[in-house]
């Protein structure tokens, strides 16, 4: 009976490995135009294979501000209301990134930059 259980366990593990499950990987940006990321020091991914999160892209955010400008030549003024700001998160050549390899290995979600 123990052999049957072991056979089922092995079959389950083999099936999971064959399905190429989701995995976390690390890569390095080798180009930004067009975007290319080198994974495992051998596989270069192109933009067609990548899904970018907001953590690795420039984006705009609208914020409510209410403050005074710095005094210049004896003058300052209020700065108030909703303003749009650009958050500069775009990838740069040399950035290390954390990727989530999607099931099947065809697409990679670029989660964030690695802090080194």
Foldseek 3Di string as FASTA:
>chain_A
DVVVVVVVVVVVVVVVVVQQAKDKWKWFFADVVQTWTDTPNPDIDTPVQEDEDPQAAKDKDKDFDWDKDDQDPNDIDIDGDIDIDIDHRHDDGGWMFMWIQHGPRRHIYTDHTDDD
